[in-house]
Amino acid sequence: MKRSQLILIVLGIIAIGGLYVLPTVVVDNESKADSISQESESPSSTDAVAMHEAELSPVQRLQINTLKLQIAETTSKEEVKSSTEEIAAIYQELGKYDSAGYYLSLAADQQSDMDLAEKAGKAYYEAFNFALDPEKVTYTAEQTRKYLTQVLDKDPTRLDLKTKVAMTYVSSPNPMQGITMLREVLEQDPQNEDGLYNMGLLSMQSGQYKLAAERFEELINYHPDNFQGQFYLAISYFEAKQNNKAKAQFEKLKMMTEDEVVLESIDSYLNKL
């Protein structure tokens, strides 16, 4: 688990989106690689260009320009796909997931490639998870649904993708659609890790801590290595005033990590019991 994720956990963030860094989208219309309709661009893409340019290293800028040139000069679908994936990887390394999604979706649209569509949807989903601005949340959620639904239409058994689509609806004007989808996932696979975890989070978000505890109990029963689920179970017990269970769970957590930040947070909860 990444240290940044652990820090978010110990701060007790239980909302679906957390306190994350707002990403940027880069749009460069100078090459064939960027020939896409306005419909696919982020609402804030123009302003984001300058912000992104300031963060690119000279080496990264050279890599991206070289890859764009390769895309412009080739007619090979495989070479276009490979170069696009390399561009996306650079943006993902920088945490610019919507930029990665932009280029992956461009190639996916041009080639009707389901592999690229899945990668684009997943990149936009990462951007959705980090977005704070309501306009950005809406845009990345829509793009996630657009591309992951294409894959789901071809293969409805991809429950891992269905849970991601469901979570984008939870923050939409129609949150029950997302909850219904998560329930459908659990009906098909009662042990589904993402489904149980997200249902637990939603219960916490709505203040239903006893229900949340039940979800996280199921989760760690099937997936004991899910540390986030273990931690949220302890918090759910704590908030539900189930002090004995909370104490036992926090003590268990101390045996599962050596991270000082996490241990400090655990001790702070134990001192309140």
C-alpha atoms as a PDB file:
ATOM      1  CA  MET A   1       0.000   0.000   0.000  1.00  0.00           C
ATOM      2  CA  LYS A   2       1.316   3.447  -0.901  1.00  0.00           C
ATOM      3  CA  ARG A   3       2.238   5.736   1.997  1.00  0.00           C
ATOM      4  CA  SER A   4      -0.055   8.435   0.595  1.00  0.00           C
ATOM      5  CA  GLN A   5      -2.993   6.025   0.780  1.00  0.00           C
ATOM      6  CA  LEU A   6      -2.159   5.146   4.366  1.00  0.00           C
ATOM      7  CA  ILE A   7      -2.004   8.786   5.355  1.00  0.00           C
ATOM      8  CA  LEU A   8      -5.432   9.345   3.816  1.00  0.00           C
ATOM      9  CA  ILE A   9      -6.760   6.385   5.781  1.00  0.00           C
ATOM     10  CA  VAL A  10      -5.407   7.471   9.139  1.00  0.00           C
ATOM     11  CA  LEU A  11      -6.836  10.909   8.706  1.00  0.00           C
ATOM     12  CA  GLY A  12     -10.213   9.179   8.709  1.00  0.00           C
ATOM     13  CA  ILE A  13     -11.294  10.171   5.235  1.00  0.00           C
ATOM     14  CA  ILE A  14     -14.508   8.315   4.533  1.00  0.00           C
ATOM     15  CA  ALA A  15     -15.952  10.221   1.629  1.00  0.00           C
ATOM     16  CA  ILE A  16     -15.744   8.706  -1.811  1.00  0.00           C
ATOM     17  CA  GLY A  17     -13.531  11.381  -3.228  1.00  0.00           C
ATOM     18  CA  GLY A  18     -10.758  12.379  -0.590  1.00  0.00           C
ATOM     19  CA  LEU A  19      -8.609  15.394  -0.230  1.00  0.00           C
ATOM     20  CA  TYR A  20      -6.501  14.880  -3.296  1.00  0.00           C
ATOM     21  CA  VAL A  21      -4.493  16.978  -5.683  1.00  0.00           C
ATOM     22  CA  LEU A  22      -6.476  18.324  -8.606  1.00  0.00           C
ATOM     23  CA  PRO A  23      -5.051  16.879 -11.829  1.00  0.00           C
ATOM     24  CA  THR A  24      -4.703  18.632 -15.138  1.00  0.00           C
ATOM     25  CA  VAL A  25      -5.488  17.740 -18.706  1.00  0.00           C
ATOM     26  CA  VAL A  26      -3.103  18.514 -21.520  1.00  0.00           C
ATOM     27  CA  VAL A  27      -4.390  19.090 -25.024  1.00  0.00           C
ATOM     28  CA  ASP A  28      -2.053  19.747 -27.926  1.00  0.00           C
ATOM     29  CA  ASN A  29      -3.767  19.974 -31.303  1.00  0.00           C
ATOM     30  CA  GLU A  30      -0.614  20.297 -33.406  1.00  0.00           C
ATOM     31  CA  SER A  31      -0.327  16.660 -34.506  1.00  0.00           C
ATOM     32  CA  LYS A  32      -2.429  13.818 -35.805  1.00  0.00           C
ATOM     33  CA  ALA A  33      -2.185  12.249 -32.355  1.00  0.00           C
ATOM     34  CA  ASP A  34      -4.418  15.027 -31.033  1.00  0.00           C
ATOM     35  CA  SER A  35      -7.099  15.118 -33.729  1.00  0.00           C
ATOM     36  CA  ILE A  36     -10.165  14.743 -31.544  1.00  0.00           C
ATOM     37  CA  SER A  37     -13.501  16.466 -31.281  1.00  0.00           C
ATOM     38  CA  GLN A  38     -14.244  19.146 -28.706  1.00  0.00           C
ATOM     39  CA  GLU A  39     -16.655  16.699 -27.101  1.00  0.00           C
ATOM     40  CA  SER A  40     -13.729  14.646 -25.781  1.00  0.00           C
ATOM     41  CA  GLU A  41     -11.816  17.512 -24.245  1.00  0.00           C
ATOM     42  CA  SER A  42     -11.899  18.457 -20.619  1.00  0.00           C
ATOM     43  CA  PRO A  43     -13.736  21.708 -19.879  1.00  0.00           C
ATOM     44  CA  SER A  44     -10.542  23.080 -18.325  1.00  0.00           C
ATOM     45  CA  SER A  45      -8.089  21.788 -20.931  1.00  0.00           C
ATOM     46  CA  THR A  46      -7.021  25.209 -22.238  1.00  0.00           C
ATOM     47  CA  ASP A  47      -6.020  26.532 -18.831  1.00  0.00           C
ATOM     48  CA  ALA A  48      -4.359  23.230 -17.959  1.00  0.00           C
ATOM     49  CA  VAL A  49      -1.841  23.370 -20.807  1.00  0.00           C
ATOM     50  CA  ALA A  50       0.343  26.013 -19.191  1.00  0.00           C
ATOM     51  CA  MET A  51       0.137  24.308 -15.804  1.00  0.00           C
ATOM     52  CA  HIS A  52       1.281  21.022 -17.278  1.00  0.00           C
ATOM     53  CA  GLU A  53       4.096  22.513 -19.352  1.00  0.00           C
ATOM     54  CA  ALA A  54       5.604  23.889 -16.170  1.00  0.00           C
ATOM     55  CA  GLU A  55       5.753  20.389 -14.705  1.00  0.00           C
ATOM     56  CA  LEU A  56       7.283  18.579 -17.670  1.00  0.00           C
ATOM     57  CA  SER A  57      11.001  17.968 -17.492  1.00  0.00           C
ATOM     58  CA  PRO A  58      13.020  18.590 -20.676  1.00  0.00           C
ATOM     59  CA  VAL A  59      13.483  14.838 -21.047  1.00  0.00           C
ATOM     60  CA  GLN A  60       9.742  14.172 -20.710  1.00  0.00           C
ATOM     61  CA  ARG A  61       8.924  16.931 -23.169  1.00  0.00           C
ATOM     62  CA  LEU A  62      11.344  15.452 -25.693  1.00  0.00           C
ATOM     63  CA  GLN A  63       9.901  11.974 -25.156  1.00  0.00           C
ATOM     64  CA  ILE A  64       6.337  13.140 -25.671  1.00  0.00           C
ATOM     65  CA  ASN A  65       7.169  15.182 -28.779  1.00  0.00           C
ATOM     66  CA  THR A  66       9.081  12.249 -30.263  1.00  0.00           C
ATOM     67  CA  LEU A  67       6.184   9.878 -29.609  1.00  0.00           C
ATOM     68  CA  LYS A  68       3.700  12.313 -31.139  1.00  0.00           C
ATOM     69  CA  LEU A  69       5.879  12.548 -34.222  1.00  0.00           C
ATOM     70  CA  GLN A  70       5.973   8.762 -34.459  1.00  0.00           C
ATOM     71  CA  ILE A  71       2.188   8.644 -34.276  1.00  0.00           C
ATOM     72  CA  ALA A  72       1.864  11.297 -36.974  1.00  0.00           C
ATOM     73  CA  GLU A  73       4.210   9.482 -39.349  1.00  0.00           C
ATOM     74  CA  THR A  74       2.914   5.918 -39.041  1.00  0.00           C
ATOM     75  CA  THR A  75      -0.090   4.095 -40.435  1.00  0.00           C
ATOM     76  CA  SER A  76       0.475   1.049 -38.249  1.00  0.00           C
ATOM     77  CA  LYS A  77      -2.232   0.594 -35.633  1.00  0.00           C
ATOM     78  CA  GLU A  78       0.168  -1.296 -33.384  1.00  0.00           C
ATOM     79  CA  GLU A  79       2.745   1.496 -33.492  1.00  0.00           C
ATOM     80  CA  VAL A  80       0.089   4.122 -32.798  1.00  0.00           C
ATOM     81  CA  LYS A  81      -1.149   2.071 -29.860  1.00  0.00           C
ATOM     82  CA  SER A  82       2.327   1.511 -28.470  1.00  0.00           C
ATOM     83  CA  SER A  83       3.320   5.184 -28.750  1.00  0.00           C
ATOM     84  CA  THR A  84       0.032   6.300 -27.220  1.00  0.00           C
ATOM     85  CA  GLU A  85       0.531   3.970 -24.271  1.00  0.00           C
ATOM     86  CA  GLU A  86       4.026   5.385 -23.758  1.00  0.00           C
ATOM     87  CA  ILE A  87       2.645   8.934 -23.722  1.00  0.00           C
ATOM     88  CA  ALA A  88      -0.028   7.882 -21.243  1.00  0.00           C
ATOM     89  CA  ALA A  89       2.597   6.237 -19.030  1.00  0.00           C
ATOM     90  CA  ILE A  90       4.509   9.533 -18.782  1.00  0.00           C
ATOM     91  CA  TYR A  91       1.392  11.397 -17.696  1.00  0.00           C
ATOM     92  CA  GLN A  92       0.461   8.674 -15.226  1.00  0.00           C
ATOM     93  CA  GLU A  93       3.905   8.875 -13.674  1.00  0.00           C
ATOM     94  CA  LEU A  94       3.249  12.577 -13.109  1.00  0.00           C
ATOM     95  CA  GLY A  95      -0.181  11.841 -11.635  1.00  0.00           C
ATOM     96  CA  LYS A  96      -1.923  13.444 -14.616  1.00  0.00           C
ATOM     97  CA  TYR A  97      -4.423  10.648 -15.083  1.00  0.00           C
ATOM     98  CA  ASP A  98      -6.907  12.622 -17.144  1.00  0.00           C
ATOM     99  CA  SER A  99      -4.121  13.521 -19.570  1.00  0.00           C
ATOM    100  CA  ALA A 100      -3.334   9.812 -19.854  1.00  0.00           C
ATOM    101  CA  GLY A 101      -7.011   9.100 -20.359  1.00  0.00           C
ATOM    102  CA  TYR A 102      -7.238  11.761 -23.050  1.00  0.00           C
ATOM    103  CA  TYR A 103      -4.582  10.210 -25.256  1.00  0.00           C
ATOM    104  CA  LEU A 104      -5.695   6.646 -24.609  1.00  0.00           C
ATOM    105  CA  SER A 105      -9.286   7.556 -25.463  1.00  0.00           C
ATOM    106  CA  LEU A 106      -8.115   9.271 -28.646  1.00  0.00           C
ATOM    107  CA  ALA A 107      -6.457   6.094 -29.865  1.00  0.00           C
ATOM    108  CA  ALA A 108      -9.337   3.951 -28.635  1.00  0.00           C
ATOM    109  CA  ASP A 109     -11.820   6.016 -30.652  1.00  0.00           C
ATOM    110  CA  GLN A 110      -9.667   5.956 -33.763  1.00  0.00           C
ATOM    111  CA  GLN A 111      -9.063   2.207 -33.642  1.00  0.00           C
ATOM    112  CA  SER A 112     -12.184   0.902 -31.884  1.00  0.00           C
ATOM    113  CA  ASP A 113      -9.771  -0.927 -29.582  1.00  0.00           C
ATOM    114  CA  MET A 114     -11.360  -2.363 -26.423  1.00  0.00           C
ATOM    115  CA  ASP A 115      -8.007  -2.754 -24.686  1.00  0.00           C
ATOM    116  CA  LEU A 116      -7.319   0.944 -25.138  1.00  0.00           C
ATOM    117  CA  ALA A 117     -10.892   1.784 -24.138  1.00  0.00           C
ATOM    118  CA  GLU A 118     -10.398  -0.104 -20.872  1.00  0.00           C
ATOM    119  CA  LYS A 119      -7.099   1.657 -20.193  1.00  0.00           C
ATOM    120  CA  ALA A 120      -8.685   5.025 -20.988  1.00  0.00           C
ATOM    121  CA  GLY A 121     -11.610   4.333 -18.663  1.00  0.00           C
ATOM    122  CA  LYS A 122      -9.311   3.254 -15.846  1.00  0.00           C
ATOM    123  CA  ALA A 123      -7.146   6.354 -16.283  1.00  0.00           C
ATOM    124  CA  TYR A 124     -10.203   8.599 -16.146  1.00  0.00           C
ATOM    125  CA  TYR A 125     -11.387   6.698 -13.074  1.00  0.00           C
ATOM    126  CA  GLU A 126      -8.110   7.511 -11.328  1.00  0.00           C
ATOM    127  CA  ALA A 127      -8.603  11.153 -12.281  1.00  0.00           C
ATOM    128  CA  PHE A 128     -12.181  10.955 -10.954  1.00  0.00           C
ATOM    129  CA  ASN A 129     -10.924   9.682  -7.607  1.00  0.00           C
ATOM    130  CA  PHE A 130      -8.528  12.614  -7.290  1.00  0.00           C
ATOM    131  CA  ALA A 131     -10.856  15.341  -8.564  1.00  0.00           C
ATOM    132  CA  LEU A 132     -12.168  18.052  -6.245  1.00  0.00           C
ATOM    133  CA  ASP A 133     -13.683  20.553  -8.650  1.00  0.00           C
ATOM    134  CA  PRO A 134     -17.337  19.602  -9.379  1.00  0.00           C
ATOM    135  CA  GLU A 135     -16.882  20.194 -13.108  1.00  0.00           C
ATOM    136  CA  LYS A 136     -13.829  17.926 -13.121  1.00  0.00           C
ATOM    137  CA  VAL A 137     -15.665  15.272 -11.119  1.00  0.00           C
ATOM    138  CA  THR A 138     -18.550  15.274 -13.585  1.00  0.00           C
ATOM    139  CA  TYR A 139     -16.318  15.194 -16.646  1.00  0.00           C
ATOM    140  CA  THR A 140     -14.034  12.389 -15.491  1.00  0.00           C
ATOM    141  CA  ALA A 141     -17.017  10.358 -14.261  1.00  0.00           C
ATOM    142  CA  GLU A 142     -18.679  10.667 -17.670  1.00  0.00           C
ATOM    143  CA  GLN A 143     -15.490   9.658 -19.466  1.00  0.00           C
ATOM    144  CA  THR A 144     -15.012   6.696 -17.126  1.00  0.00           C
ATOM    145  CA  ARG A 145     -18.524   5.476 -17.867  1.00  0.00           C
ATOM    146  CA  LYS A 146     -18.157   6.069 -21.597  1.00  0.00           C
ATOM    147  CA  TYR A 147     -15.095   3.878 -22.020  1.00  0.00           C
ATOM    148  CA  LEU A 148     -15.609   1.212 -19.371  1.00  0.00           C
ATOM    149  CA  THR A 149     -19.192   0.694 -20.542  1.00  0.00           C
ATOM    150  CA  GLN A 150     -17.858  -0.089 -24.009  1.00  0.00           C
ATOM    151  CA  VAL A 151     -15.865  -2.944 -22.492  1.00  0.00           C
ATOM    152  CA  LEU A 152     -18.768  -4.080 -20.310  1.00  0.00           C
ATOM    153  CA  ASP A 153     -21.049  -4.212 -23.319  1.00  0.00           C
ATOM    154  CA  LYS A 154     -18.651  -6.715 -24.854  1.00  0.00           C
ATOM    155  CA  ASP A 155     -18.001  -8.618 -21.611  1.00  0.00           C
ATOM    156  CA  PRO A 156     -20.645  -8.167 -18.866  1.00  0.00           C
ATOM    157  CA  THR A 157     -18.684 -10.514 -16.569  1.00  0.00           C
ATOM    158  CA  ARG A 158     -16.112  -7.791 -15.839  1.00  0.00           C
ATOM    159  CA  LEU A 159     -17.347  -7.007 -12.336  1.00  0.00           C
ATOM    160  CA  ASP A 160     -14.119  -5.141 -11.582  1.00  0.00           C
ATOM    161  CA  LEU A 161     -15.105  -2.561 -14.189  1.00  0.00           C
ATOM    162  CA  LYS A 162     -18.748  -2.517 -13.131  1.00  0.00           C
ATOM    163  CA  THR A 163     -17.780  -1.463  -9.590  1.00  0.00           C
ATOM    164  CA  LYS A 164     -15.803   1.460 -10.997  1.00  0.00           C
ATOM    165  CA  VAL A 165     -18.738   2.589 -13.141  1.00  0.00           C
ATOM    166  CA  ALA A 166     -21.006   2.222 -10.117  1.00  0.00           C
ATOM    167  CA  MET A 167     -18.832   4.514  -8.004  1.00  0.00           C
ATOM    168  CA  THR A 168     -18.994   7.265 -10.622  1.00  0.00           C
ATOM    169  CA  TYR A 169     -22.786   7.242 -10.314  1.00  0.00           C
ATOM    170  CA  VAL A 170     -22.643   7.549  -6.513  1.00  0.00           C
ATOM    171  CA  SER A 171     -21.421  11.147  -6.823  1.00  0.00           C
ATOM    172  CA  SER A 172     -23.890  11.925  -9.617  1.00  0.00           C
ATOM    173  CA  PRO A 173     -27.462  13.272  -9.379  1.00  0.00           C
ATOM    174  CA  ASN A 174     -28.571   9.619  -9.474  1.00  0.00           C
ATOM    175  CA  PRO A 175     -26.547   7.913  -6.685  1.00  0.00           C
ATOM    176  CA  MET A 176     -29.020   5.046  -6.296  1.00  0.00           C
ATOM    177  CA  GLN A 177     -28.043   3.815  -9.742  1.00  0.00           C
ATOM    178  CA  GLY A 178     -24.521   3.283  -8.451  1.00  0.00           C
ATOM    179  CA  ILE A 179     -25.696   1.565  -5.269  1.00  0.00           C
ATOM    180  CA  THR A 180     -27.959  -0.694  -7.318  1.00  0.00           C
ATOM    181  CA  MET A 181     -25.029  -1.654  -9.524  1.00  0.00           C
ATOM    182  CA  LEU A 182     -22.884  -2.498  -6.489  1.00  0.00           C
ATOM    183  CA  ARG A 183     -25.669  -4.689  -5.141  1.00  0.00           C
ATOM    184  CA  GLU A 184     -25.848  -6.444  -8.499  1.00  0.00           C
ATOM    185  CA  VAL A 185     -22.116  -7.084  -8.316  1.00  0.00           C
ATOM    186  CA  LEU A 186     -22.478  -8.652  -4.865  1.00  0.00           C
ATOM    187  CA  GLU A 187     -25.431 -10.738  -6.022  1.00  0.00           C
ATOM    188  CA  GLN A 188     -23.231 -12.186  -8.750  1.00  0.00           C
ATOM    189  CA  ASP A 189     -20.171 -12.473  -6.531  1.00  0.00           C
ATOM    190  CA  PRO A 190     -20.858 -12.183  -2.769  1.00  0.00           C
ATOM    191  CA  GLN A 191     -17.111 -12.226  -2.096  1.00  0.00           C
ATOM    192  CA  ASN A 192     -16.265  -9.429  -4.522  1.00  0.00           C
ATOM    193  CA  GLU A 193     -13.535  -7.358  -2.868  1.00  0.00           C
ATOM    194  CA  ASP A 194     -14.253  -4.025  -4.533  1.00  0.00           C
ATOM    195  CA  GLY A 195     -18.008  -4.408  -4.083  1.00  0.00           C
ATOM    196  CA  LEU A 196     -17.791  -5.139  -0.350  1.00  0.00           C
ATOM    197  CA  TYR A 197     -15.208  -2.424   0.218  1.00  0.00           C
ATOM    198  CA  ASN A 198     -17.167   0.276  -1.583  1.00  0.00           C
ATOM    199  CA  MET A 199     -20.460  -0.673   0.073  1.00  0.00           C
ATOM    200  CA  GLY A 200     -18.670  -0.363   3.403  1.00  0.00           C
ATOM    201  CA  LEU A 201     -17.388   3.076   2.481  1.00  0.00           C
ATOM    202  CA  LEU A 202     -20.834   4.218   1.411  1.00  0.00           C
ATOM    203  CA  SER A 203     -22.300   3.034   4.708  1.00  0.00           C
ATOM    204  CA  MET A 204     -19.644   5.010   6.581  1.00  0.00           C
ATOM    205  CA  GLN A 205     -20.315   8.073   4.483  1.00  0.00           C
ATOM    206  CA  SER A 206     -23.990   7.943   5.404  1.00  0.00           C
ATOM    207  CA  GLY A 207     -23.215   7.424   9.092  1.00  0.00           C
ATOM    208  CA  GLN A 208     -24.453   3.815   9.163  1.00  0.00           C
ATOM    209  CA  TYR A 209     -21.464   2.509  11.085  1.00  0.00           C
ATOM    210  CA  LYS A 210     -22.989  -0.775  12.242  1.00  0.00           C
ATOM    211  CA  LEU A 211     -23.871  -1.631   8.646  1.00  0.00           C
ATOM    212  CA  ALA A 212     -20.402  -0.517   7.577  1.00  0.00           C
ATOM    213  CA  ALA A 213     -18.851  -2.835  10.163  1.00  0.00           C
ATOM    214  CA  GLU A 214     -20.859  -5.736   8.756  1.00  0.00           C
ATOM    215  CA  ARG A 215     -19.613  -5.004   5.252  1.00  0.00           C
ATOM    216  CA  PHE A 216     -15.998  -4.736   6.367  1.00  0.00           C
ATOM    217  CA  GLU A 217     -16.329  -7.904   8.441  1.00  0.00           C
ATOM    218  CA  GLU A 218     -17.392  -9.715   5.286  1.00  0.00           C
ATOM    219  CA  LEU A 219     -14.568  -8.097   3.347  1.00  0.00           C
ATOM    220  CA  ILE A 220     -11.750  -9.132   5.681  1.00  0.00           C
ATOM    221  CA  ASN A 221     -13.273 -12.573   6.136  1.00  0.00           C
ATOM    222  CA  TYR A 222     -12.752 -13.195   2.419  1.00  0.00           C
ATOM    223  CA  HIS A 223      -9.799 -10.821   1.907  1.00  0.00           C
ATOM    224  CA  PRO A 224      -7.815 -10.593   5.181  1.00  0.00           C
ATOM    225  CA  ASP A 225      -4.907  -8.784   3.497  1.00  0.00           C
ATOM    226  CA  ASN A 226      -7.053  -5.771   2.622  1.00  0.00           C
ATOM    227  CA  PHE A 227      -5.485  -3.356   5.099  1.00  0.00           C
ATOM    228  CA  GLN A 228      -7.805  -0.482   4.254  1.00  0.00           C
ATOM    229  CA  GLY A 229     -10.785  -2.707   5.017  1.00  0.00           C
ATOM    230  CA  GLN A 230      -9.158  -3.769   8.298  1.00  0.00           C
ATOM    231  CA  PHE A 231      -8.608  -0.141   9.257  1.00  0.00           C
ATOM    232  CA  TYR A 232     -12.091   1.011   8.318  1.00  0.00           C
ATOM    233  CA  LEU A 233     -13.552  -1.893  10.280  1.00  0.00           C
ATOM    234  CA  ALA A 234     -11.806  -0.579  13.379  1.00  0.00           C
ATOM    235  CA  ILE A 235     -13.115   2.930  12.747  1.00  0.00           C
ATOM    236  CA  SER A 236     -16.625   1.593  12.135  1.00  0.00           C
ATOM    237  CA  TYR A 237     -16.549  -0.249  15.476  1.00  0.00           C
ATOM    238  CA  PHE A 238     -15.273   2.930  17.147  1.00  0.00           C
ATOM    239  CA  GLU A 239     -17.980   5.146  15.658  1.00  0.00           C
ATOM    240  CA  ALA A 240     -20.673   2.545  16.438  1.00  0.00           C
ATOM    241  CA  LYS A 241     -19.565   2.619  20.124  1.00  0.00           C
ATOM    242  CA  GLN A 242     -18.582  -1.041  19.970  1.00  0.00           C
ATOM    243  CA  ASN A 243     -15.557  -0.285  22.100  1.00  0.00           C
ATOM    244  CA  ASN A 244     -14.379  -3.809  22.868  1.00  0.00           C
ATOM    245  CA  LYS A 245     -14.419  -4.784  19.214  1.00  0.00           C
ATOM    246  CA  ALA A 246     -12.762  -1.492  18.252  1.00  0.00           C
ATOM    247  CA  LYS A 247      -9.945  -1.999  20.756  1.00  0.00           C
ATOM    248  CA  ALA A 248      -9.309  -5.553  19.589  1.00  0.00           C
ATOM    249  CA  GLN A 249      -9.316  -4.487  15.950  1.00  0.00           C
ATOM    250  CA  PHE A 250      -6.933  -1.569  16.523  1.00  0.00           C
ATOM    251  CA  GLU A 251      -4.588  -3.860  18.451  1.00  0.00           C
ATOM    252  CA  LYS A 252      -4.711  -6.275  15.519  1.00  0.00           C
ATOM    253  CA  LEU A 253      -3.828  -3.463  13.147  1.00  0.00           C
ATOM    254  CA  LYS A 254      -0.708  -2.647  15.164  1.00  0.00           C
ATOM    255  CA  MET A 255       0.568  -6.115  14.294  1.00  0.00           C
ATOM    256  CA  MET A 256      -0.059  -5.556  10.579  1.00  0.00           C
ATOM    257  CA  THR A 257       2.000  -2.430   9.908  1.00  0.00           C
ATOM    258  CA  GLU A 258       5.239  -0.714  10.829  1.00  0.00           C
ATOM    259  CA  ASP A 259       4.269   2.633   9.346  1.00  0.00           C
ATOM    260  CA  GLU A 260       4.786   5.273  12.028  1.00  0.00           C
ATOM    261  CA  VAL A 261       1.982   7.501  10.763  1.00  0.00           C
ATOM    262  CA  VAL A 262      -0.514   4.661  10.872  1.00  0.00           C
ATOM    263  CA  LEU A 263       0.672   3.490  14.290  1.00  0.00           C
ATOM    264  CA  GLU A 264       0.362   7.010  15.667  1.00  0.00           C
ATOM    265  CA  SER A 265      -3.211   7.210  14.428  1.00  0.00           C
ATOM    266  CA  ILE A 266      -4.047   3.808  15.910  1.00  0.00           C
ATOM    267  CA  ASP A 267      -2.679   4.908  19.285  1.00  0.00           C
ATOM    268  CA  SER A 268      -4.768   8.074  19.130  1.00  0.00           C
ATOM    269  CA  TYR A 269      -7.914   5.973  18.716  1.00  0.00           C
ATOM    270  CA  LEU A 270      -6.895   3.576  21.470  1.00  0.00           C
ATOM    271  CA  ASN A 271      -6.356   6.487  23.844  1.00  0.00           C
ATOM    272  CA  LYS A 272      -9.976   7.538  23.252  1.00  0.00           C
ATOM    273  CA  LEU A 273     -11.388   4.121  24.145  1.00  0.00           C
END
